[in-house]
Structures are given as C-alpha cells and as structure tokens.
Amino acid sequence: MSFTEFRSAEFSASANATEQVTIQSLQDKKSQGTPIVALTAYDYATARVVDEAGVDVLLVGDSLAMVVMGYETTLPVTVEEMLLHTRAVRRAVSRAMLVADLPFGSYQVNAEDGVATATRFLKEAGAQAVKIEGGTPSREQLVKRLTEAEIPVVAHLGLTPQSIHKMSGYRVQAKSLQEINQLIRDALALEAAGAFAIVLEAIPDEVARRITAALHIPTIGIGAGPDCDGQVLVSYDLLGLFDSFVPSFVKRYAQLGDTIGKAVTEYAHDVRRGAFPKAPADERDTSRPIPLESVG
C-alpha cells in the first residue's frame, strides 16, 4: 500500500480530516475521548509530509538545538533561529495547529520579554500558539499575560529540558508525594491562568492520569503513559534520524538514518566508478564534439 493509499484509509473515516485544527477542535477531542496526535517538525519538506499525514499539532520544538544543530542541550538555540524554522514549517502547514517553543532566555527574565517574544512568533512566523516550560508563579503570570494579549499558550510540566541543569539531568519527575501534589497544583494553576493545553513529560503514568482527569483542557504526553489526551514525539526520534540521545519511551517507526546512509554510499560508489551520471548508449552521440560556444 502506498503512502497516499494508507493516509486515505487512515483518515477517510473522519469528516474533519482536512479541516484546520483549532483550540476548540482539540478541546472537542478531549471531550470525545479522541486522542490528539502531535509531532515536531523543523523544515518545510518534513512539515509538509507530516501535515498531510493528518497530525493534529505540529510543534517547532527547541529540540531542534539538539537534533538539527548538534548542541548537547536545548539551551543554546536563539529566538532568531526558532523564528527561521517556524517560518519554514508555516509555509508547509495547511491543517495542523502550529505551535512554537519559546527558547530559553526569551521569557524567564520577565513577562514583558515573554509577551514581546511570543508576539513575534505569531506576527512574523505564523505560529498559532507558543509553548513555555515550568509551573512557577512567574510562569502562571506569564500565561495570564499572554492569554490577555490574545496569544494562545501550551504549558509544559514534568521534565522541562530548559531546566536541565536544575533537574540534574534527564530524569523522571514527580516521584515523591510532595512532588506529585505540587505538579497537580501547577497544572490546575496553569489551566486557570489560561493555558489551552499542557504537555506532560517524563512523569509516572498514574500521575499523568490524575492530572488529565483533573483538567478540563487537554494533556499531551511524552513519556507520561497512555492516559493523556494525546501524545507527542520528536520526529527525528520517531524516524530514526537521531541517535545521540534516545529516550526509553521512544518507539522507532523507521530507521531513516540507515536508509539515508545506504543511499549516499551507493551514490558515492556510482560517482567514483563512473556509473553516475551516465546516459544510455543510444542517447549519446560521441562522433562529434560539442561546440564550445554552446556550453553554458
């Protein structure tokens, strides 16, 4: 079965398969018990394929710092770099909701910086929402300010990669009763502040289930078990394009790194042995040279 045939079979049952995904349609999915499908994208070509495959939410994640730019953490990526990639993805997307991460340092100092940065992502890059990490009182205030400024917000709790140094590495969060209760309080506070969805990363399944049941807004899990309202993965993990760090919860649906490596090796081999480029013998006329004036 071709990709087009598979996609048609997968989504033909849904009358809304080609309709623009909105905050309301995501809320409806939670109410109806229909899982939300989210995935990262960082470039036009990939985003076009992912959008046409029927993904509900496309996240231009600051994970591009690691999987695209080669940094060890998400911290170095800049606002300008995030805007560049968000604009590229925007040109490809016609159905999915486009959400962009606000990078580290662009909203932590004060709410004014956060609102100004988020405004750029909607105005200059075409994002429909922004995502911020953390559940501190200052984050709740920022969510409120952004919501008042008509900027939709996805919150992010649990393992928050921009706090990697504070958390002493990529570890499962909310293990103690105190941490669990605090995470639930943070989720409720972020919902009250105006967030329309919350990403829950690397927390125990039962904690994610409790938070999902307590909230009216959707939760989107990544390493948080099956009971969230949706799931998100880094596309390069799903596709087998990034091997430097592979979380235990990731499922590889392809091994494109191996496929690309094989294709490039074959191409290099053909070039070195003179097999590419090489026109069929019946299309070549070697009896007379090409006039120099015709070249170029």
C-alpha atoms as a PDB file:
ATOM      1  CA  MET A   1       0.000   0.000   0.000  1.00  0.00           C
ATOM      2  CA  SER A   2       1.363   3.410  -0.968  1.00  0.00           C
ATOM      3  CA  PHE A   3       1.613   6.314   1.489  1.00  0.00           C
ATOM      4  CA  THR A   4      -1.281   8.078  -0.249  1.00  0.00           C
ATOM      5  CA  GLU A   5      -3.487   4.976  -0.053  1.00  0.00           C
ATOM      6  CA  PHE A   6      -2.565   4.402   3.599  1.00  0.00           C
ATOM      7  CA  ARG A   7      -3.295   8.007   4.509  1.00  0.00           C
ATOM      8  CA  SER A   8      -6.656   7.871   2.721  1.00  0.00           C
ATOM      9  CA  ALA A   9      -7.639   4.681   4.532  1.00  0.00           C
ATOM     10  CA  GLU A  10      -6.460   6.033   7.880  1.00  0.00           C
ATOM     11  CA  PHE A  11      -8.343   9.323   7.744  1.00  0.00           C
ATOM     12  CA  SER A  12     -11.294   8.772   5.396  1.00  0.00           C
ATOM     13  CA  ALA A  13     -13.479   7.829   8.361  1.00  0.00           C
ATOM     14  CA  SER A  14     -13.090  11.311   9.793  1.00  0.00           C
ATOM     15  CA  ALA A  15     -15.172  14.082   8.238  1.00  0.00           C
ATOM     16  CA  ASN A  16     -12.804  16.637   9.799  1.00  0.00           C
ATOM     17  CA  ALA A  17      -9.584  15.124   8.436  1.00  0.00           C
ATOM     18  CA  THR A  18      -8.863  18.131   6.214  1.00  0.00           C
ATOM     19  CA  GLU A  19     -10.280  20.880   8.426  1.00  0.00           C
ATOM     20  CA  GLN A  20      -7.972  23.293  10.205  1.00  0.00           C
ATOM     21  CA  VAL A  21      -7.205  22.149  13.743  1.00  0.00           C
ATOM     22  CA  THR A  22      -8.158  24.759  16.335  1.00  0.00           C
ATOM     23  CA  ILE A  23      -8.162  25.156  20.094  1.00  0.00           C
ATOM     24  CA  GLN A  24     -11.837  24.223  20.081  1.00  0.00           C
ATOM     25  CA  SER A  25     -11.318  21.113  17.987  1.00  0.00           C
ATOM     26  CA  LEU A  26      -8.567  19.967  20.373  1.00  0.00           C
ATOM     27  CA  GLN A  27     -10.922  20.566  23.278  1.00  0.00           C
ATOM     28  CA  ASP A  28     -13.591  18.579  21.461  1.00  0.00           C
ATOM     29  CA  LYS A  29     -11.166  15.689  21.074  1.00  0.00           C
ATOM     30  CA  LYS A  30     -10.637  15.609  24.832  1.00  0.00           C
ATOM     31  CA  SER A  31     -14.387  15.693  25.440  1.00  0.00           C
ATOM     32  CA  GLN A  32     -14.983  12.913  22.916  1.00  0.00           C
ATOM     33  CA  GLY A  33     -12.060  10.777  24.050  1.00  0.00           C
ATOM     34  CA  THR A  34     -10.334  11.068  20.672  1.00  0.00           C
ATOM     35  CA  PRO A  35      -6.534  11.030  21.071  1.00  0.00           C
ATOM     36  CA  ILE A  36      -4.597  14.081  19.895  1.00  0.00           C
ATOM     37  CA  VAL A  37      -1.610  13.375  17.639  1.00  0.00           C
ATOM     38  CA  ALA A  38       1.326  15.785  17.908  1.00  0.00           C
ATOM     39  CA  LEU A  39       4.806  15.735  16.405  1.00  0.00           C
ATOM     40  CA  THR A  40       7.760  18.072  15.987  1.00  0.00           C
ATOM     41  CA  ALA A  41       8.895  19.494  12.657  1.00  0.00           C
ATOM     42  CA  TYR A  42      11.718  21.857  11.790  1.00  0.00           C
ATOM     43  CA  ASP A  43      11.719  22.277   7.988  1.00  0.00           C
ATOM     44  CA  TYR A  44       9.347  22.723   5.055  1.00  0.00           C
ATOM     45  CA  ALA A  45       9.727  19.294   3.455  1.00  0.00           C
ATOM     46  CA  THR A  46       9.200  17.292   6.630  1.00  0.00           C
ATOM     47  CA  ALA A  47       6.384  19.518   7.845  1.00  0.00           C
ATOM     48  CA  ARG A  48       4.517  19.098   4.577  1.00  0.00           C
ATOM     49  CA  VAL A  49       4.642  15.310   4.825  1.00  0.00           C
ATOM     50  CA  VAL A  50       3.659  15.317   8.493  1.00  0.00           C
ATOM     51  CA  ASP A  51       0.785  17.737   7.945  1.00  0.00           C
ATOM     52  CA  GLU A  52      -0.564  15.727   5.001  1.00  0.00           C
ATOM     53  CA  ALA A  53      -0.372  12.578   7.133  1.00  0.00           C
ATOM     54  CA  GLY A  54      -3.033  14.060   9.413  1.00  0.00           C
ATOM     55  CA  VAL A  55      -1.113  15.083  12.535  1.00  0.00           C
ATOM     56  CA  ASP A  56      -3.169  17.441  14.710  1.00  0.00           C
ATOM     57  CA  VAL A  57      -0.432  19.573  16.263  1.00  0.00           C
ATOM     58  CA  LEU A  58       2.945  20.452  14.757  1.00  0.00           C
ATOM     59  CA  LEU A  59       5.465  21.704  17.294  1.00  0.00           C
ATOM     60  CA  VAL A  60       8.539  23.602  16.209  1.00  0.00           C
ATOM     61  CA  GLY A  61      10.374  22.456  19.298  1.00  0.00           C
ATOM     62  CA  ASP A  62      13.558  23.857  20.742  1.00  0.00           C
ATOM     63  CA  SER A  63      14.709  20.244  20.438  1.00  0.00           C
ATOM     64  CA  LEU A  64      15.999  21.463  17.064  1.00  0.00           C
ATOM     65  CA  ALA A  65      19.011  22.705  19.051  1.00  0.00           C
ATOM     66  CA  MET A  66      19.985  19.063  19.564  1.00  0.00           C
ATOM     67  CA  VAL A  67      18.621  17.131  16.573  1.00  0.00           C
ATOM     68  CA  VAL A  68      19.196  19.766  13.870  1.00  0.00           C
ATOM     69  CA  MET A  69      22.017  21.978  15.181  1.00  0.00           C
ATOM     70  CA  GLY A  70      24.031  19.448  17.139  1.00  0.00           C
ATOM     71  CA  TYR A  71      24.059  21.070  20.589  1.00  0.00           C
ATOM     72  CA  GLU A  72      24.110  18.904  23.709  1.00  0.00           C
ATOM     73  CA  THR A  73      21.029  20.619  25.213  1.00  0.00           C
ATOM     74  CA  THR A  74      18.161  22.821  24.065  1.00  0.00           C
ATOM     75  CA  LEU A  75      19.599  25.890  25.795  1.00  0.00           C
ATOM     76  CA  PRO A  76      21.760  27.475  23.044  1.00  0.00           C
ATOM     77  CA  VAL A  77      19.089  27.890  20.357  1.00  0.00           C
ATOM     78  CA  THR A  78      18.126  31.539  19.805  1.00  0.00           C
ATOM     79  CA  VAL A  79      14.888  33.357  19.097  1.00  0.00           C
ATOM     80  CA  GLU A  80      16.037  34.203  15.566  1.00  0.00           C
ATOM     81  CA  GLU A  81      16.840  30.558  14.837  1.00  0.00           C
ATOM     82  CA  MET A  82      13.479  29.427  16.173  1.00  0.00           C
ATOM     83  CA  LEU A  83      11.713  32.052  14.077  1.00  0.00           C
ATOM     84  CA  LEU A  84      13.570  30.912  10.955  1.00  0.00           C
ATOM     85  CA  HIS A  85      12.465  27.304  11.386  1.00  0.00           C
ATOM     86  CA  THR A  86       8.916  28.270  12.362  1.00  0.00           C
ATOM     87  CA  ARG A  87       8.544  30.310   9.174  1.00  0.00           C
ATOM     88  CA  ALA A  88       9.736  27.338   7.106  1.00  0.00           C
ATOM     89  CA  VAL A  89       7.243  24.996   8.750  1.00  0.00           C
ATOM     90  CA  ARG A  90       4.426  27.545   8.423  1.00  0.00           C
ATOM     91  CA  ARG A  91       4.794  27.517   4.625  1.00  0.00           C
ATOM     92  CA  ALA A  92       4.110  23.787   4.592  1.00  0.00           C
ATOM     93  CA  VAL A  93       1.193  23.530   7.002  1.00  0.00           C
ATOM     94  CA  SER A  94      -2.435  23.753   5.934  1.00  0.00           C
ATOM     95  CA  ARG A  95      -4.264  21.632   8.527  1.00  0.00           C
ATOM     96  CA  ALA A  96      -2.337  21.107  11.768  1.00  0.00           C
ATOM     97  CA  MET A  97      -2.136  23.654  14.558  1.00  0.00           C
ATOM     98  CA  LEU A  98       1.346  25.202  14.541  1.00  0.00           C
ATOM     99  CA  VAL A  99       2.895  25.693  17.979  1.00  0.00           C
ATOM    100  CA  ALA A 100       6.372  27.125  18.566  1.00  0.00           C
ATOM    101  CA  ASP A 101       8.600  26.757  21.604  1.00  0.00           C
ATOM    102  CA  LEU A 102       9.819  29.968  23.186  1.00  0.00           C
ATOM    103  CA  PRO A 103      13.558  29.324  23.615  1.00  0.00           C
ATOM    104  CA  PHE A 104      15.497  29.537  26.856  1.00  0.00           C
ATOM    105  CA  GLY A 105      16.176  33.102  27.978  1.00  0.00           C
ATOM    106  CA  SER A 106      13.362  34.665  25.967  1.00  0.00           C
ATOM    107  CA  TYR A 107      10.756  34.675  28.739  1.00  0.00           C
ATOM    108  CA  GLN A 108      12.457  33.725  32.017  1.00  0.00           C
ATOM    109  CA  VAL A 109      13.608  37.239  32.992  1.00  0.00           C
ATOM    110  CA  ASN A 110      10.236  38.985  32.965  1.00  0.00           C
ATOM    111  CA  ALA A 111       6.754  38.760  31.496  1.00  0.00           C
ATOM    112  CA  GLU A 112       7.324  41.741  29.213  1.00  0.00           C
ATOM    113  CA  ASP A 113      10.092  39.893  27.374  1.00  0.00           C
ATOM    114  CA  GLY A 114       7.888  36.829  27.106  1.00  0.00           C
ATOM    115  CA  VAL A 115       4.959  38.705  25.605  1.00  0.00           C
ATOM    116  CA  ALA A 116       7.213  40.564  23.165  1.00  0.00           C
ATOM    117  CA  THR A 117       8.900  37.365  22.022  1.00  0.00           C
ATOM    118  CA  ALA A 118       5.659  35.424  21.697  1.00  0.00           C
ATOM    119  CA  THR A 119       4.157  38.248  19.643  1.00  0.00           C
ATOM    120  CA  ARG A 120       6.991  37.867  17.135  1.00  0.00           C
ATOM    121  CA  PHE A 121       6.253  34.171  16.691  1.00  0.00           C
ATOM    122  CA  LEU A 122       2.628  34.862  15.796  1.00  0.00           C
ATOM    123  CA  LYS A 123       3.230  38.042  13.801  1.00  0.00           C
ATOM    124  CA  GLU A 124       6.464  37.218  11.961  1.00  0.00           C
ATOM    125  CA  ALA A 125       6.455  33.423  11.739  1.00  0.00           C
ATOM    126  CA  GLY A 126       2.773  32.482  11.575  1.00  0.00           C
ATOM    127  CA  ALA A 127       2.635  30.339  14.707  1.00  0.00           C
ATOM    128  CA  GLN A 128      -0.838  29.873  16.163  1.00  0.00           C
ATOM    129  CA  ALA A 129       0.372  29.316  19.723  1.00  0.00           C
ATOM    130  CA  VAL A 130       3.542  29.249  21.790  1.00  0.00           C
ATOM    131  CA  LYS A 131       4.796  26.755  24.369  1.00  0.00           C
ATOM    132  CA  ILE A 132       6.565  27.661  27.605  1.00  0.00           C
ATOM    133  CA  GLU A 133       8.069  25.440  30.295  1.00  0.00           C
ATOM    134  CA  GLY A 134       7.545  25.380  34.035  1.00  0.00           C
ATOM    135  CA  GLY A 135       4.846  25.868  36.621  1.00  0.00           C
ATOM    136  CA  THR A 136       6.226  28.547  38.939  1.00  0.00           C
ATOM    137  CA  PRO A 137       4.105  31.567  39.917  1.00  0.00           C
ATOM    138  CA  SER A 138       6.032  33.657  37.379  1.00  0.00           C
ATOM    139  CA  ARG A 139       5.081  31.200  34.631  1.00  0.00           C
ATOM    140  CA  GLU A 140       1.455  31.334  35.681  1.00  0.00           C
ATOM    141  CA  GLN A 141       1.605  35.127  35.492  1.00  0.00           C
ATOM    142  CA  LEU A 142       3.188  34.914  32.044  1.00  0.00           C
ATOM    143  CA  VAL A 143       0.464  32.563  30.812  1.00  0.00           C
ATOM    144  CA  LYS A 144      -2.126  35.036  32.059  1.00  0.00           C
ATOM    145  CA  ARG A 145      -0.379  37.955  30.355  1.00  0.00           C
ATOM    146  CA  LEU A 146      -0.045  36.051  27.078  1.00  0.00           C
ATOM    147  CA  THR A 147      -3.675  34.984  27.165  1.00  0.00           C
ATOM    148  CA  GLU A 148      -4.752  38.570  27.792  1.00  0.00           C
ATOM    149  CA  ALA A 149      -2.658  39.569  24.758  1.00  0.00           C
ATOM    150  CA  GLU A 150      -4.616  37.067  22.605  1.00  0.00           C
ATOM    151  CA  ILE A 151      -1.629  34.704  22.357  1.00  0.00           C
ATOM    152  CA  PRO A 152      -2.643  31.050  22.912  1.00  0.00           C
ATOM    153  CA  VAL A 153      -0.343  29.125  25.248  1.00  0.00           C
ATOM    154  CA  VAL A 154       0.618  25.480  25.677  1.00  0.00           C
ATOM    155  CA  ALA A 155       2.211  24.858  29.073  1.00  0.00           C
ATOM    156  CA  HIS A 156       4.841  22.196  29.775  1.00  0.00           C
ATOM    157  CA  LEU A 157       5.316  20.374  33.090  1.00  0.00           C
ATOM    158  CA  GLY A 158       7.312  17.446  34.430  1.00  0.00           C
ATOM    159  CA  LEU A 159      10.716  17.127  32.819  1.00  0.00           C
ATOM    160  CA  THR A 160      11.345  20.568  31.360  1.00  0.00           C
ATOM    161  CA  PRO A 161      14.532  20.434  29.245  1.00  0.00           C
ATOM    162  CA  GLN A 162      15.252  24.156  29.651  1.00  0.00           C
ATOM    163  CA  SER A 163      15.726  23.423  33.365  1.00  0.00           C
ATOM    164  CA  ILE A 164      18.103  20.530  32.710  1.00  0.00           C
ATOM    165  CA  HIS A 165      20.857  21.844  34.985  1.00  0.00           C
ATOM    166  CA  LYS A 166      18.479  22.477  37.871  1.00  0.00           C
ATOM    167  CA  MET A 167      16.998  18.993  37.446  1.00  0.00           C
ATOM    168  CA  SER A 168      20.458  17.359  37.296  1.00  0.00           C
ATOM    169  CA  GLY A 169      19.818  15.624  34.011  1.00  0.00           C
ATOM    170  CA  TYR A 170      17.015  13.984  32.056  1.00  0.00           C
ATOM    171  CA  ARG A 171      15.193  12.193  34.865  1.00  0.00           C
ATOM    172  CA  VAL A 172      11.655  11.071  35.561  1.00  0.00           C
ATOM    173  CA  GLN A 173       9.909  13.734  37.640  1.00  0.00           C
ATOM    174  CA  ALA A 174       7.164  13.724  40.317  1.00  0.00           C
ATOM    175  CA  LYS A 175       8.300  10.655  42.236  1.00  0.00           C
ATOM    176  CA  SER A 176       7.570  11.776  45.790  1.00  0.00           C
ATOM    177  CA  LEU A 177       4.118  12.570  47.161  1.00  0.00           C
ATOM    178  CA  GLN A 178       5.149  16.188  47.668  1.00  0.00           C
ATOM    179  CA  GLU A 179       6.327  16.491  44.050  1.00  0.00           C
ATOM    180  CA  ILE A 180       3.160  14.834  42.762  1.00  0.00           C
ATOM    181  CA  ASN A 181       0.890  17.171  44.680  1.00  0.00           C
ATOM    182  CA  GLN A 182       2.903  20.186  43.534  1.00  0.00           C
ATOM    183  CA  LEU A 183       2.684  19.084  39.911  1.00  0.00           C
ATOM    184  CA  ILE A 184      -1.094  18.742  40.166  1.00  0.00           C
ATOM    185  CA  ARG A 185      -1.351  22.190  41.736  1.00  0.00           C
ATOM    186  CA  ASP A 186       0.830  23.656  38.995  1.00  0.00           C
ATOM    187  CA  ALA A 187      -1.311  22.082  36.270  1.00  0.00           C
ATOM    188  CA  LEU A 188      -4.520  23.435  37.768  1.00  0.00           C
ATOM    189  CA  ALA A 189      -2.965  26.891  38.177  1.00  0.00           C
ATOM    190  CA  LEU A 190      -1.750  26.978  34.575  1.00  0.00           C
ATOM    191  CA  GLU A 191      -5.204  25.976  33.359  1.00  0.00           C
ATOM    192  CA  ALA A 192      -6.741  28.743  35.462  1.00  0.00           C
ATOM    193  CA  ALA A 193      -4.215  31.220  34.038  1.00  0.00           C
ATOM    194  CA  GLY A 194      -5.400  30.467  30.514  1.00  0.00           C
ATOM    195  CA  ALA A 195      -3.265  27.673  29.016  1.00  0.00           C
ATOM    196  CA  PHE A 196      -5.322  25.715  26.464  1.00  0.00           C
ATOM    197  CA  ALA A 197      -3.211  22.523  26.727  1.00  0.00           C
ATOM    198  CA  ILE A 198      -0.398  21.104  28.847  1.00  0.00           C
ATOM    199  CA  VAL A 199       2.486  18.884  27.784  1.00  0.00           C
ATOM    200  CA  LEU A 200       3.388  16.335  30.472  1.00  0.00           C
ATOM    201  CA  GLU A 201       6.891  14.946  30.061  1.00  0.00           C
ATOM    202  CA  ALA A 202       8.615  12.048  31.835  1.00  0.00           C
ATOM    203  CA  ILE A 203       6.274  11.588  34.776  1.00  0.00           C
ATOM    204  CA  PRO A 204       4.744   8.359  36.142  1.00  0.00           C
ATOM    205  CA  ASP A 205       1.701   7.078  34.264  1.00  0.00           C
ATOM    206  CA  GLU A 206      -0.562   7.332  37.308  1.00  0.00           C
ATOM    207  CA  VAL A 207       0.399  10.960  37.917  1.00  0.00           C
ATOM    208  CA  ALA A 208      -0.358  11.840  34.297  1.00  0.00           C
ATOM    209  CA  ARG A 209      -3.689  10.028  34.558  1.00  0.00           C
ATOM    210  CA  ARG A 210      -4.640  12.020  37.673  1.00  0.00           C
ATOM    211  CA  ILE A 211      -3.695  15.332  36.096  1.00  0.00           C
ATOM    212  CA  THR A 212      -5.549  14.520  32.878  1.00  0.00           C
ATOM    213  CA  ALA A 213      -8.691  13.655  34.850  1.00  0.00           C
ATOM    214  CA  ALA A 214      -8.432  16.831  36.938  1.00  0.00           C
ATOM    215  CA  LEU A 215      -8.102  19.233  33.997  1.00  0.00           C
ATOM    216  CA  HIS A 216     -10.714  20.479  31.567  1.00  0.00           C
ATOM    217  CA  ILE A 217      -8.016  21.239  28.964  1.00  0.00           C
ATOM    218  CA  PRO A 218      -6.139  18.543  27.010  1.00  0.00           C
ATOM    219  CA  THR A 219      -2.901  16.979  28.186  1.00  0.00           C
ATOM    220  CA  ILE A 220      -0.311  15.812  25.686  1.00  0.00           C
ATOM    221  CA  GLY A 221       2.135  13.239  26.960  1.00  0.00           C
ATOM    222  CA  ILE A 222       5.715  12.447  26.113  1.00  0.00           C
ATOM    223  CA  GLY A 223       6.989   9.619  28.237  1.00  0.00           C
ATOM    224  CA  ALA A 224       3.954  10.051  30.503  1.00  0.00           C
ATOM    225  CA  GLY A 225       1.961   6.920  29.746  1.00  0.00           C
ATOM    226  CA  PRO A 226      -1.193   6.136  27.774  1.00  0.00           C
ATOM    227  CA  ASP A 227      -3.780   8.106  29.742  1.00  0.00           C
ATOM    228  CA  CYS A 228      -3.026  11.609  28.464  1.00  0.00           C
ATOM    229  CA  ASP A 229      -5.388  13.149  25.919  1.00  0.00           C
ATOM    230  CA  GLY A 230      -2.703  12.963  23.252  1.00  0.00           C
ATOM    231  CA  GLN A 231       0.910  12.097  22.538  1.00  0.00           C
ATOM    232  CA  VAL A 232       3.886  13.975  21.098  1.00  0.00           C
ATOM    233  CA  LEU A 233       7.292  12.748  19.951  1.00  0.00           C
ATOM    234  CA  VAL A 234      10.368  14.351  18.455  1.00  0.00           C
ATOM    235  CA  SER A 235      10.099  13.456  14.771  1.00  0.00           C
ATOM    236  CA  TYR A 236      13.801  12.662  14.443  1.00  0.00           C
ATOM    237  CA  ASP A 237      13.400  10.073  17.215  1.00  0.00           C
ATOM    238  CA  LEU A 238      10.337   8.510  15.590  1.00  0.00           C
ATOM    239  CA  LEU A 239      12.047   8.387  12.183  1.00  0.00           C
ATOM    240  CA  GLY A 240      15.401   7.085  13.385  1.00  0.00           C
ATOM    241  CA  LEU A 241      17.386  10.152  12.373  1.00  0.00           C
ATOM    242  CA  PHE A 242      18.960  10.983  15.739  1.00  0.00           C
ATOM    243  CA  ASP A 243      20.990   8.521  17.787  1.00  0.00           C
ATOM    244  CA  SER A 244      22.925  10.687  20.247  1.00  0.00           C
ATOM    245  CA  PHE A 245      20.184  10.509  22.857  1.00  0.00           C
ATOM    246  CA  VAL A 246      17.160   8.225  22.559  1.00  0.00           C
ATOM    247  CA  PRO A 247      14.686   8.299  25.479  1.00  0.00           C
ATOM    248  CA  SER A 248      13.465   4.918  26.681  1.00  0.00           C
ATOM    249  CA  PHE A 249       9.835   5.737  25.856  1.00  0.00           C
ATOM    250  CA  VAL A 250      10.526   6.407  22.164  1.00  0.00           C
ATOM    251  CA  LYS A 251       9.210   3.982  19.546  1.00  0.00           C
ATOM    252  CA  ARG A 252      11.159   3.942  16.292  1.00  0.00           C
ATOM    253  CA  TYR A 253       8.727   3.731  13.369  1.00  0.00           C
ATOM    254  CA  ALA A 254      11.526   3.918  10.797  1.00  0.00           C
ATOM    255  CA  GLN A 255      15.314   3.848  10.538  1.00  0.00           C
ATOM    256  CA  LEU A 256      15.833   6.660   8.053  1.00  0.00           C
ATOM    257  CA  GLY A 257      19.374   7.229   9.228  1.00  0.00           C
ATOM    258  CA  ASP A 258      20.308   3.794   7.908  1.00  0.00           C
ATOM    259  CA  THR A 259      18.303   4.347   4.701  1.00  0.00           C
ATOM    260  CA  ILE A 260      19.976   7.694   4.002  1.00  0.00           C
ATOM    261  CA  GLY A 261      23.402   6.302   4.778  1.00  0.00           C
ATOM    262  CA  LYS A 262      22.879   3.439   2.336  1.00  0.00           C
ATOM    263  CA  ALA A 263      21.600   5.761  -0.398  1.00  0.00           C
ATOM    264  CA  VAL A 264      24.552   8.148  -0.035  1.00  0.00           C
ATOM    265  CA  THR A 265      27.025   5.254  -0.029  1.00  0.00           C
ATOM    266  CA  GLU A 266      25.542   3.901  -3.282  1.00  0.00           C
ATOM    267  CA  TYR A 267      25.608   7.365  -4.839  1.00  0.00           C
ATOM    268  CA  ALA A 268      29.260   7.863  -3.883  1.00  0.00           C
ATOM    269  CA  HIS A 269      30.113   4.430  -5.262  1.00  0.00           C
ATOM    270  CA  ASP A 270      28.402   5.193  -8.590  1.00  0.00           C
ATOM    271  CA  VAL A 271      30.185   8.531  -8.938  1.00  0.00           C
ATOM    272  CA  ARG A 272      33.596   7.005  -8.200  1.00  0.00           C
ATOM    273  CA  ARG A 273      33.188   4.159 -10.708  1.00  0.00           C
ATOM    274  CA  GLY A 274      31.739   6.401 -13.412  1.00  0.00           C
ATOM    275  CA  ALA A 275      28.215   4.984 -13.305  1.00  0.00           C
ATOM    276  CA  PHE A 276      26.643   8.340 -12.491  1.00  0.00           C
ATOM    277  CA  PRO A 277      25.917  10.421 -14.443  1.00  0.00           C
ATOM    278  CA  LYS A 278      25.854   8.134 -17.430  1.00  0.00           C
ATOM    279  CA  ALA A 279      23.311   8.403 -20.244  1.00  0.00           C
ATOM    280  CA  PRO A 280      22.155   5.249 -22.082  1.00  0.00           C
ATOM    281  CA  ALA A 281      24.397   4.415 -25.016  1.00  0.00           C
ATOM    282  CA  ASP A 282      21.658   5.017 -27.601  1.00  0.00           C
ATOM    283  CA  GLU A 283      21.147   8.590 -26.347  1.00  0.00           C
ATOM    284  CA  ARG A 284      24.806   9.600 -26.664  1.00  0.00           C
ATOM    285  CA  ASP A 285      26.492  10.818 -29.822  1.00  0.00           C
ATOM    286  CA  THR A 286      30.250  10.704 -29.357  1.00  0.00           C
ATOM    287  CA  SER A 287      31.028  11.104 -33.052  1.00  0.00           C
ATOM    288  CA  ARG A 288      31.442  14.875 -32.841  1.00  0.00           C
ATOM    289  CA  PRO A 289      32.468  17.245 -30.055  1.00  0.00           C
ATOM    290  CA  ILE A 290      30.086  19.791 -28.518  1.00  0.00           C
ATOM    291  CA  PRO A 291      30.895  23.310 -29.848  1.00  0.00           C
ATOM    292  CA  LEU A 292      32.426  25.410 -27.089  1.00  0.00           C
ATOM    293  CA  GLU A 293      30.060  28.302 -27.795  1.00  0.00           C
ATOM    294  CA  SER A 294      27.073  26.086 -26.932  1.00  0.00           C
ATOM    295  CA  VAL A 295      28.361  25.319 -23.462  1.00  0.00           C
ATOM    296  CA  GLY A 296      26.741  27.473 -20.776  1.00  0.00           C
END
